[in-house]
Amino acid sequence: MKASLAQPALLGGLVGGMLSALPLIAAGNLCCCLWIVSGGVVAAYVLQQNQSTPITPADGALVGLLAGIVGAFVYLIVSIPINFLMAPLERLLFQRLADTMGNMPPEFRQYANSSFSATLGAVVGFVVMLVLGAIFSTVGGAVGSIIFGKKTRPGADLVPPPA
């Protein structure tokens, strides 16, 4: 019996999206998209735990893809409040940088001090997470299915179940 893909995709997306949105922890994604791949692995693990038959790499890849898409939306929802909390600190950093660099164009100063840059950053971050999540979380799901797939004995499917 095939288990539903919704719960594993939501849990895997939650793991990948949350860890990718947190400011210092998100640096783990610099290491081969670690948190995005982890979301796919978690999704494959949960899928295997929800069913008695072994999952195939295709099942893991599919649930990983769904986890990557969910993870992009989780990233967007979590990163918006974090960006608003971090905006004053970033603005101060840009002002100090602009003070040390006297020949900075005025357009860059305006852009750095506007709230539009935070909104644009959230949209660009979402699109990047959607693309990278779809790719790397799918790989993570396939790898997770190989790691966590239940092993069957050779010839176990040839023996009829007891009556």
N, C-alpha and C. Protein backbone atom coordinates (compact mmCIF):
# COMPACT_ATOMS: atom_id res chain seq x y z
N MET A 1 0.83 -1.17 0.00
CA MET A 1 0.00 0.00 0.00
C MET A 1 0.88 1.24 0.00
N LYS A 2 0.61 2.16 -0.90
CA LYS A 2 1.38 3.40 -1.01
C LYS A 2 0.88 4.40 0.03
N ALA A 3 1.82 5.01 0.73
CA ALA A 3 1.48 6.03 1.72
C ALA A 3 1.33 7.37 1.03
N SER A 4 0.66 8.30 1.69
CA SER A 4 0.48 9.64 1.16
C SER A 4 1.82 10.38 1.15
N LEU A 5 2.01 11.23 0.17
CA LEU A 5 3.23 12.00 0.06
C LEU A 5 3.14 13.34 0.78
N ALA A 6 1.95 13.72 1.25
CA ALA A 6 1.76 15.05 1.83
C ALA A 6 2.56 15.23 3.12
N GLN A 7 2.44 14.32 4.06
CA GLN A 7 3.13 14.48 5.34
C GLN A 7 4.66 14.47 5.17
N PRO A 8 5.23 13.52 4.42
CA PRO A 8 6.69 13.57 4.24
C PRO A 8 7.16 14.84 3.52
N ALA A 9 6.40 15.30 2.53
CA ALA A 9 6.78 16.51 1.81
C ALA A 9 6.71 17.73 2.72
N LEU A 10 5.69 17.80 3.55
CA LEU A 10 5.57 18.94 4.48
C LEU A 10 6.70 18.94 5.51
N LEU A 11 6.99 17.77 6.08
CA LEU A 11 8.06 17.71 7.08
C LEU A 11 9.43 17.99 6.46
N GLY A 12 9.70 17.40 5.31
CA GLY A 12 10.97 17.66 4.63
C GLY A 12 11.10 19.12 4.21
N GLY A 13 10.02 19.70 3.70
CA GLY A 13 10.03 21.11 3.32
C GLY A 13 10.20 22.02 4.52
N LEU A 14 9.61 21.64 5.63
CA LEU A 14 9.76 22.43 6.86
C LEU A 14 11.21 22.42 7.32
N VAL A 15 11.85 21.26 7.28
CA VAL A 15 13.26 21.17 7.69
C VAL A 15 14.14 22.00 6.74
N GLY A 16 13.99 21.78 5.45
CA GLY A 16 14.83 22.49 4.48
C GLY A 16 14.59 23.98 4.46
N GLY A 17 13.32 24.39 4.52
CA GLY A 17 12.99 25.81 4.46
C GLY A 17 13.38 26.57 5.71
N MET A 18 13.12 25.99 6.88
CA MET A 18 13.45 26.66 8.13
C MET A 18 14.96 26.83 8.28
N LEU A 19 15.70 25.76 8.05
CA LEU A 19 17.16 25.86 8.22
C LEU A 19 17.79 26.79 7.18
N SER A 20 17.18 26.89 6.01
CA SER A 20 17.72 27.78 4.98
C SER A 20 17.38 29.24 5.25
N ALA A 21 16.36 29.51 6.03
CA ALA A 21 15.94 30.89 6.28
C ALA A 21 16.62 31.51 7.49
N LEU A 22 17.10 30.72 8.41
CA LEU A 22 17.72 31.26 9.63
C LEU A 22 19.08 31.87 9.30
N PRO A 23 19.35 33.09 9.80
CA PRO A 23 20.53 33.84 9.33
C PRO A 23 21.87 33.13 9.40
N LEU A 24 22.32 32.69 10.52
CA LEU A 24 23.65 32.08 10.59
C LEU A 24 23.64 30.61 10.16
N ILE A 25 22.57 29.95 10.46
CA ILE A 25 22.46 28.52 10.13
C ILE A 25 22.37 28.32 8.62
N ALA A 26 21.83 29.30 7.91
CA ALA A 26 21.67 29.20 6.46
C ALA A 26 23.01 29.06 5.75
N ALA A 27 24.09 29.39 6.41
CA ALA A 27 25.41 29.25 5.80
C ALA A 27 25.72 27.80 5.47
N GLY A 28 25.01 26.85 6.09
CA GLY A 28 25.18 25.44 5.75
C GLY A 28 24.83 25.14 4.31
N ASN A 29 23.99 25.98 3.70
CA ASN A 29 23.64 25.78 2.30
C ASN A 29 24.81 26.08 1.37
N LEU A 30 25.82 26.76 1.87
CA LEU A 30 27.02 27.00 1.06
C LEU A 30 27.79 25.71 0.82
N CYS A 31 27.55 24.71 1.65
CA CYS A 31 28.18 23.41 1.52
C CYS A 31 27.25 22.48 0.74
N CYS A 32 27.27 22.61 -0.57
CA CYS A 32 26.49 21.73 -1.46
C CYS A 32 24.99 21.72 -1.13
N CYS A 33 24.45 22.88 -0.80
CA CYS A 33 23.02 23.02 -0.49
C CYS A 33 22.60 22.02 0.60
N LEU A 34 23.35 21.99 1.68
CA LEU A 34 23.20 21.00 2.74
C LEU A 34 21.77 20.92 3.28
N TRP A 35 21.17 22.04 3.61
CA TRP A 35 19.84 22.00 4.23
C TRP A 35 18.76 21.63 3.22
N ILE A 36 18.94 22.01 1.98
CA ILE A 36 17.95 21.64 0.96
C ILE A 36 18.00 20.14 0.72
N VAL A 37 19.20 19.59 0.59
CA VAL A 37 19.36 18.14 0.41
C VAL A 37 18.81 17.42 1.64
N SER A 38 19.07 17.96 2.82
CA SER A 38 18.58 17.34 4.06
C SER A 38 17.06 17.28 4.09
N GLY A 39 16.40 18.30 3.56
CA GLY A 39 14.94 18.27 3.49
C GLY A 39 14.43 17.10 2.65
N GLY A 40 15.09 16.82 1.53
CA GLY A 40 14.72 15.67 0.71
C GLY A 40 15.00 14.35 1.40
N VAL A 41 16.12 14.28 2.13
CA VAL A 41 16.45 13.05 2.87
C VAL A 41 15.41 12.80 3.96
N VAL A 42 15.04 13.85 4.69
CA VAL A 42 14.03 13.72 5.74
C VAL A 42 12.70 13.27 5.15
N ALA A 43 12.33 13.83 4.00
CA ALA A 43 11.07 13.45 3.36
C ALA A 43 11.09 11.96 2.97
N ALA A 44 12.21 11.49 2.43
CA ALA A 44 12.31 10.07 2.07
C ALA A 44 12.25 9.19 3.32
N TYR A 45 12.89 9.62 4.39
CA TYR A 45 12.86 8.85 5.65
C TYR A 45 11.43 8.74 6.18
N VAL A 46 10.72 9.85 6.21
CA VAL A 46 9.34 9.83 6.72
C VAL A 46 8.45 8.99 5.81
N LEU A 47 8.65 9.08 4.51
CA LEU A 47 7.86 8.26 3.58
C LEU A 47 8.09 6.77 3.84
N GLN A 48 9.35 6.39 4.05
CA GLN A 48 9.65 4.97 4.32
C GLN A 48 9.03 4.53 5.64
N GLN A 49 9.02 5.38 6.63
CA GLN A 49 8.43 5.02 7.93
C GLN A 49 6.91 4.86 7.85
N ASN A 50 6.29 5.51 6.87
CA ASN A 50 4.83 5.45 6.74
C ASN A 50 4.33 4.26 5.93
N GLN A 51 5.20 3.47 5.37
CA GLN A 51 4.74 2.31 4.60
C GLN A 51 5.61 1.10 4.89
N SER A 52 5.02 -0.06 4.68
CA SER A 52 5.70 -1.30 5.04
C SER A 52 6.59 -1.82 3.91
N THR A 53 6.30 -1.46 2.68
CA THR A 53 7.12 -1.92 1.55
C THR A 53 8.26 -0.95 1.31
N PRO A 54 9.36 -1.42 0.74
CA PRO A 54 10.49 -0.51 0.48
C PRO A 54 10.11 0.56 -0.55
N ILE A 55 10.62 1.76 -0.35
CA ILE A 55 10.39 2.81 -1.33
C ILE A 55 11.48 2.73 -2.39
N THR A 56 11.15 3.15 -3.58
CA THR A 56 12.11 3.14 -4.69
C THR A 56 12.79 4.50 -4.75
N PRO A 57 13.92 4.60 -5.44
CA PRO A 57 14.53 5.92 -5.63
C PRO A 57 13.60 6.91 -6.34
N ALA A 58 12.73 6.41 -7.21
CA ALA A 58 11.76 7.31 -7.87
C ALA A 58 10.78 7.88 -6.85
N ASP A 59 10.33 7.04 -5.90
CA ASP A 59 9.46 7.54 -4.84
C ASP A 59 10.18 8.60 -4.02
N GLY A 60 11.43 8.32 -3.67
CA GLY A 60 12.21 9.28 -2.90
C GLY A 60 12.44 10.58 -3.66
N ALA A 61 12.70 10.48 -4.96
CA ALA A 61 12.91 11.68 -5.76
C ALA A 61 11.63 12.50 -5.85
N LEU A 62 10.50 11.84 -6.01
CA LEU A 62 9.22 12.57 -6.10
C LEU A 62 8.91 13.28 -4.79
N VAL A 63 9.04 12.59 -3.67
CA VAL A 63 8.75 13.24 -2.39
C VAL A 63 9.81 14.30 -2.10
N GLY A 64 11.03 14.13 -2.56
CA GLY A 64 12.06 15.15 -2.41
C GLY A 64 11.73 16.40 -3.22
N LEU A 65 11.24 16.21 -4.44
CA LEU A 65 10.82 17.34 -5.26
C LEU A 65 9.72 18.13 -4.58
N LEU A 66 8.72 17.42 -4.06
CA LEU A 66 7.62 18.09 -3.36
C LEU A 66 8.13 18.80 -2.10
N ALA A 67 9.07 18.19 -1.40
CA ALA A 67 9.65 18.82 -0.21
C ALA A 67 10.43 20.08 -0.59
N GLY A 68 11.10 20.07 -1.72
CA GLY A 68 11.82 21.26 -2.18
C GLY A 68 10.89 22.41 -2.49
N ILE A 69 9.74 22.10 -3.10
CA ILE A 69 8.76 23.15 -3.41
C ILE A 69 8.15 23.70 -2.13
N VAL A 70 7.78 22.80 -1.22
CA VAL A 70 7.24 23.25 0.07
C VAL A 70 8.29 24.06 0.83
N GLY A 71 9.54 23.61 0.77
CA GLY A 71 10.62 24.31 1.45
C GLY A 71 10.81 25.73 0.95
N ALA A 72 10.60 25.98 -0.33
CA ALA A 72 10.72 27.33 -0.87
C ALA A 72 9.64 28.24 -0.27
N PHE A 73 8.44 27.73 -0.13
CA PHE A 73 7.37 28.53 0.48
C PHE A 73 7.62 28.75 1.97
N VAL A 74 8.11 27.74 2.66
CA VAL A 74 8.46 27.89 4.08
C VAL A 74 9.56 28.94 4.21
N TYR A 75 10.55 28.87 3.34
CA TYR A 75 11.63 29.85 3.34
C TYR A 75 11.08 31.27 3.18
N LEU A 76 10.16 31.45 2.25
CA LEU A 76 9.58 32.77 2.01
C LEU A 76 8.84 33.28 3.25
N ILE A 77 8.03 32.42 3.84
CA ILE A 77 7.24 32.82 5.00
C ILE A 77 8.13 33.14 6.20
N VAL A 78 9.18 32.39 6.41
CA VAL A 78 10.06 32.61 7.56
C VAL A 78 11.03 33.77 7.31
N SER A 79 11.49 33.94 6.07
CA SER A 79 12.50 34.96 5.81
C SER A 79 11.95 36.37 5.82
N ILE A 80 10.67 36.55 5.57
CA ILE A 80 10.10 37.91 5.55
C ILE A 80 10.21 38.57 6.92
N PRO A 81 9.75 37.94 8.02
CA PRO A 81 9.93 38.61 9.32
C PRO A 81 11.40 38.75 9.72
N ILE A 82 12.21 37.79 9.34
CA ILE A 82 13.64 37.89 9.66
C ILE A 82 14.27 39.06 8.92
N ASN A 83 13.88 39.27 7.66
CA ASN A 83 14.41 40.40 6.90
C ASN A 83 13.99 41.73 7.53
N PHE A 84 12.75 41.81 8.01
CA PHE A 84 12.31 43.04 8.65
C PHE A 84 13.03 43.29 9.96
N LEU A 85 13.36 42.24 10.68
CA LEU A 85 14.12 42.41 11.92
C LEU A 85 15.57 42.78 11.65
N MET A 86 16.13 42.26 10.58
CA MET A 86 17.54 42.51 10.27
C MET A 86 17.74 43.78 9.44
N ALA A 87 16.68 44.36 8.88
CA ALA A 87 16.81 45.53 8.00
C ALA A 87 17.51 46.71 8.66
N PRO A 88 17.18 47.08 9.90
CA PRO A 88 17.90 48.22 10.50
C PRO A 88 19.41 47.96 10.63
N LEU A 89 19.77 46.74 10.99
CA LEU A 89 21.18 46.40 11.11
C LEU A 89 21.88 46.48 9.75
N GLU A 90 21.23 45.98 8.72
CA GLU A 90 21.81 46.03 7.38
C GLU A 90 21.93 47.47 6.89
N ARG A 91 20.91 48.29 7.19
CA ARG A 91 20.95 49.69 6.78
C ARG A 91 22.13 50.42 7.44
N LEU A 92 22.34 50.14 8.71
CA LEU A 92 23.47 50.74 9.42
C LEU A 92 24.80 50.29 8.82
N LEU A 93 24.87 49.02 8.47
CA LEU A 93 26.09 48.50 7.84
C LEU A 93 26.36 49.18 6.51
N PHE A 94 25.30 49.36 5.69
CA PHE A 94 25.47 50.03 4.40
C PHE A 94 25.86 51.50 4.58
N GLN A 95 25.29 52.17 5.60
CA GLN A 95 25.64 53.57 5.83
C GLN A 95 27.11 53.70 6.22
N ARG A 96 27.58 52.82 7.07
CA ARG A 96 29.00 52.86 7.45
C ARG A 96 29.90 52.54 6.26
N LEU A 97 29.47 51.62 5.44
CA LEU A 97 30.23 51.29 4.23
C LEU A 97 30.26 52.49 3.28
N ALA A 98 29.12 53.16 3.15
CA ALA A 98 29.05 54.33 2.27
C ALA A 98 29.91 55.47 2.80
N ASP A 99 30.00 55.60 4.12
CA ASP A 99 30.84 56.66 4.71
C ASP A 99 32.31 56.41 4.45
N THR A 100 32.72 55.15 4.45
CA THR A 100 34.14 54.84 4.22
C THR A 100 34.50 54.92 2.74
N MET A 101 33.51 54.74 1.88
CA MET A 101 33.75 54.83 0.43
C MET A 101 33.14 56.14 -0.05
N GLY A 102 33.94 57.16 -0.19
CA GLY A 102 33.44 58.48 -0.53
C GLY A 102 32.92 58.60 -1.95
N ASN A 103 33.41 57.82 -2.88
CA ASN A 103 33.02 57.97 -4.28
C ASN A 103 31.92 57.00 -4.72
N MET A 104 31.04 56.64 -3.81
CA MET A 104 29.94 55.72 -4.13
C MET A 104 28.85 56.47 -4.91
N PRO A 105 28.31 55.90 -5.96
CA PRO A 105 27.26 56.58 -6.72
C PRO A 105 26.02 56.83 -5.84
N PRO A 106 25.34 57.96 -6.04
CA PRO A 106 24.16 58.26 -5.22
C PRO A 106 23.02 57.27 -5.43
N GLU A 107 22.94 56.65 -6.60
CA GLU A 107 21.88 55.67 -6.85
C GLU A 107 22.03 54.46 -5.95
N PHE A 108 23.28 54.05 -5.73
CA PHE A 108 23.52 52.91 -4.84
C PHE A 108 23.16 53.26 -3.42
N ARG A 109 23.45 54.48 -2.98
CA ARG A 109 23.07 54.91 -1.63
C ARG A 109 21.56 54.87 -1.46
N GLN A 110 20.83 55.35 -2.46
CA GLN A 110 19.36 55.33 -2.38
C GLN A 110 18.84 53.90 -2.31
N TYR A 111 19.38 53.04 -3.16
CA TYR A 111 18.93 51.64 -3.18
C TYR A 111 19.23 50.95 -1.86
N ALA A 112 20.39 51.19 -1.30
CA ALA A 112 20.79 50.54 -0.05
C ALA A 112 19.93 51.00 1.12
N ASN A 113 19.47 52.24 1.08
CA ASN A 113 18.66 52.77 2.18
C ASN A 113 17.17 52.56 2.00
N SER A 114 16.75 52.01 0.88
CA SER A 114 15.31 51.83 0.66
C SER A 114 14.84 50.48 1.19
N SER A 115 13.55 50.41 1.47
CA SER A 115 12.97 49.14 1.92
C SER A 115 12.67 48.23 0.74
N PHE A 116 12.75 48.78 -0.47
CA PHE A 116 12.52 47.99 -1.67
C PHE A 116 13.56 46.89 -1.81
N SER A 117 14.77 47.15 -1.36
CA SER A 117 15.83 46.15 -1.49
C SER A 117 15.51 44.91 -0.67
N ALA A 118 14.87 45.07 0.50
CA ALA A 118 14.50 43.91 1.32
C ALA A 118 13.41 43.09 0.62
N THR A 119 12.45 43.77 0.01
CA THR A 119 11.37 43.08 -0.70
C THR A 119 11.93 42.34 -1.92
N LEU A 120 12.78 43.02 -2.66
CA LEU A 120 13.40 42.39 -3.83
C LEU A 120 14.24 41.20 -3.41
N GLY A 121 14.95 41.32 -2.28
CA GLY A 121 15.76 40.22 -1.78
C GLY A 121 14.92 39.01 -1.42
N ALA A 122 13.73 39.23 -0.84
CA ALA A 122 12.85 38.12 -0.48
C ALA A 122 12.32 37.42 -1.73
N VAL A 123 11.97 38.19 -2.75
CA VAL A 123 11.44 37.59 -3.99
C VAL A 123 12.54 36.81 -4.71
N VAL A 124 13.72 37.40 -4.81
CA VAL A 124 14.84 36.71 -5.47
C VAL A 124 15.22 35.46 -4.67
N GLY A 125 15.24 35.57 -3.34
CA GLY A 125 15.55 34.41 -2.50
C GLY A 125 14.54 33.29 -2.69
N PHE A 126 13.25 33.64 -2.83
CA PHE A 126 12.23 32.63 -3.04
C PHE A 126 12.43 31.91 -4.38
N VAL A 127 12.71 32.67 -5.42
CA VAL A 127 12.90 32.06 -6.75
C VAL A 127 14.13 31.14 -6.73
N VAL A 128 15.21 31.60 -6.10
CA VAL A 128 16.42 30.78 -6.01
C VAL A 128 16.14 29.51 -5.21
N MET A 129 15.42 29.65 -4.09
CA MET A 129 15.08 28.47 -3.28
C MET A 129 14.17 27.52 -4.05
N LEU A 130 13.28 28.05 -4.86
CA LEU A 130 12.38 27.20 -5.63
C LEU A 130 13.17 26.37 -6.64
N VAL A 131 14.09 27.01 -7.33
CA VAL A 131 14.88 26.29 -8.34
C VAL A 131 15.85 25.31 -7.68
N LEU A 132 16.62 25.81 -6.71
CA LEU A 132 17.59 24.93 -6.05
C LEU A 132 16.90 23.85 -5.24
N GLY A 133 15.76 24.19 -4.63
CA GLY A 133 15.00 23.19 -3.87
C GLY A 133 14.49 22.08 -4.76
N ALA A 134 14.00 22.45 -5.93
CA ALA A 134 13.49 21.43 -6.85
C ALA A 134 14.61 20.49 -7.29
N ILE A 135 15.80 21.02 -7.47
CA ILE A 135 16.91 20.19 -7.96
C ILE A 135 17.53 19.37 -6.82
N PHE A 136 18.01 20.06 -5.78
CA PHE A 136 18.81 19.39 -4.76
C PHE A 136 17.97 18.58 -3.78
N SER A 137 16.74 18.99 -3.53
CA SER A 137 15.89 18.20 -2.65
C SER A 137 15.46 16.91 -3.34
N THR A 138 15.32 16.94 -4.65
CA THR A 138 15.02 15.73 -5.41
C THR A 138 16.18 14.74 -5.28
N VAL A 139 17.40 15.26 -5.40
CA VAL A 139 18.59 14.41 -5.23
C VAL A 139 18.62 13.85 -3.81
N GLY A 140 18.32 14.71 -2.82
CA GLY A 140 18.29 14.26 -1.43
C GLY A 140 17.26 13.18 -1.19
N GLY A 141 16.09 13.30 -1.82
CA GLY A 141 15.06 12.28 -1.68
C GLY A 141 15.48 10.95 -2.27
N ALA A 142 16.14 11.00 -3.43
CA ALA A 142 16.62 9.75 -4.05
C ALA A 142 17.70 9.10 -3.20
N VAL A 143 18.62 9.91 -2.68
CA VAL A 143 19.67 9.37 -1.81
C VAL A 143 19.06 8.83 -0.52
N GLY A 144 18.10 9.56 0.03
CA GLY A 144 17.43 9.10 1.25
C GLY A 144 16.70 7.79 1.06
N SER A 145 16.13 7.58 -0.11
CA SER A 145 15.43 6.31 -0.36
C SER A 145 16.42 5.15 -0.41
N ILE A 146 17.63 5.41 -0.90
CA ILE A 146 18.64 4.36 -0.93
C ILE A 146 19.15 4.08 0.48
N ILE A 147 19.34 5.13 1.27
CA ILE A 147 19.87 4.96 2.63
C ILE A 147 18.83 4.31 3.55
N PHE A 148 17.60 4.83 3.52
CA PHE A 148 16.59 4.41 4.49
C PHE A 148 15.61 3.38 3.96
N GLY A 149 15.73 2.96 2.70
CA GLY A 149 14.82 1.97 2.15
C GLY A 149 14.93 0.65 2.89
N LYS A 150 13.78 0.06 3.19
CA LYS A 150 13.79 -1.22 3.90
C LYS A 150 14.37 -2.29 2.99
N LYS A 151 15.19 -3.10 3.56
CA LYS A 151 15.83 -4.17 2.80
C LYS A 151 14.93 -5.40 2.80
N THR A 152 14.85 -6.06 1.68
CA THR A 152 14.07 -7.30 1.58
C THR A 152 15.04 -8.45 1.36
N ARG A 153 14.64 -9.57 1.87
CA ARG A 153 15.46 -10.78 1.65
C ARG A 153 15.28 -11.23 0.21
N PRO A 154 16.34 -11.76 -0.41
CA PRO A 154 16.20 -12.27 -1.77
C PRO A 154 15.19 -13.43 -1.78
N GLY A 155 14.27 -13.37 -2.69
CA GLY A 155 13.28 -14.44 -2.82
C GLY A 155 12.14 -14.34 -1.80
N ALA A 156 12.10 -13.30 -1.00
CA ALA A 156 11.04 -13.16 0.01
C ALA A 156 9.68 -12.96 -0.64
N ASP A 157 9.66 -12.35 -1.82
CA ASP A 157 8.39 -12.14 -2.48
C ASP A 157 7.88 -13.40 -3.19
N LEU A 158 8.70 -14.47 -3.27
CA LEU A 158 8.28 -15.70 -3.91
C LEU A 158 7.52 -16.61 -2.95
N VAL A 159 7.71 -16.42 -1.67
CA VAL A 159 7.05 -17.26 -0.66
C VAL A 159 5.65 -16.71 -0.42
N PRO A 160 4.64 -17.54 -0.58
CA PRO A 160 3.27 -17.03 -0.35
C PRO A 160 3.07 -16.77 1.14
N PRO A 161 2.27 -15.74 1.47
CA PRO A 161 2.01 -15.46 2.87
C PRO A 161 1.21 -16.59 3.51
N PRO A 162 1.40 -16.81 4.82
CA PRO A 162 0.65 -17.87 5.49
C PRO A 162 -0.85 -17.59 5.48
N ALA A 163 -1.63 -18.66 5.35
CA ALA A 163 -3.07 -18.49 5.25
C ALA A 163 -3.74 -18.33 6.59
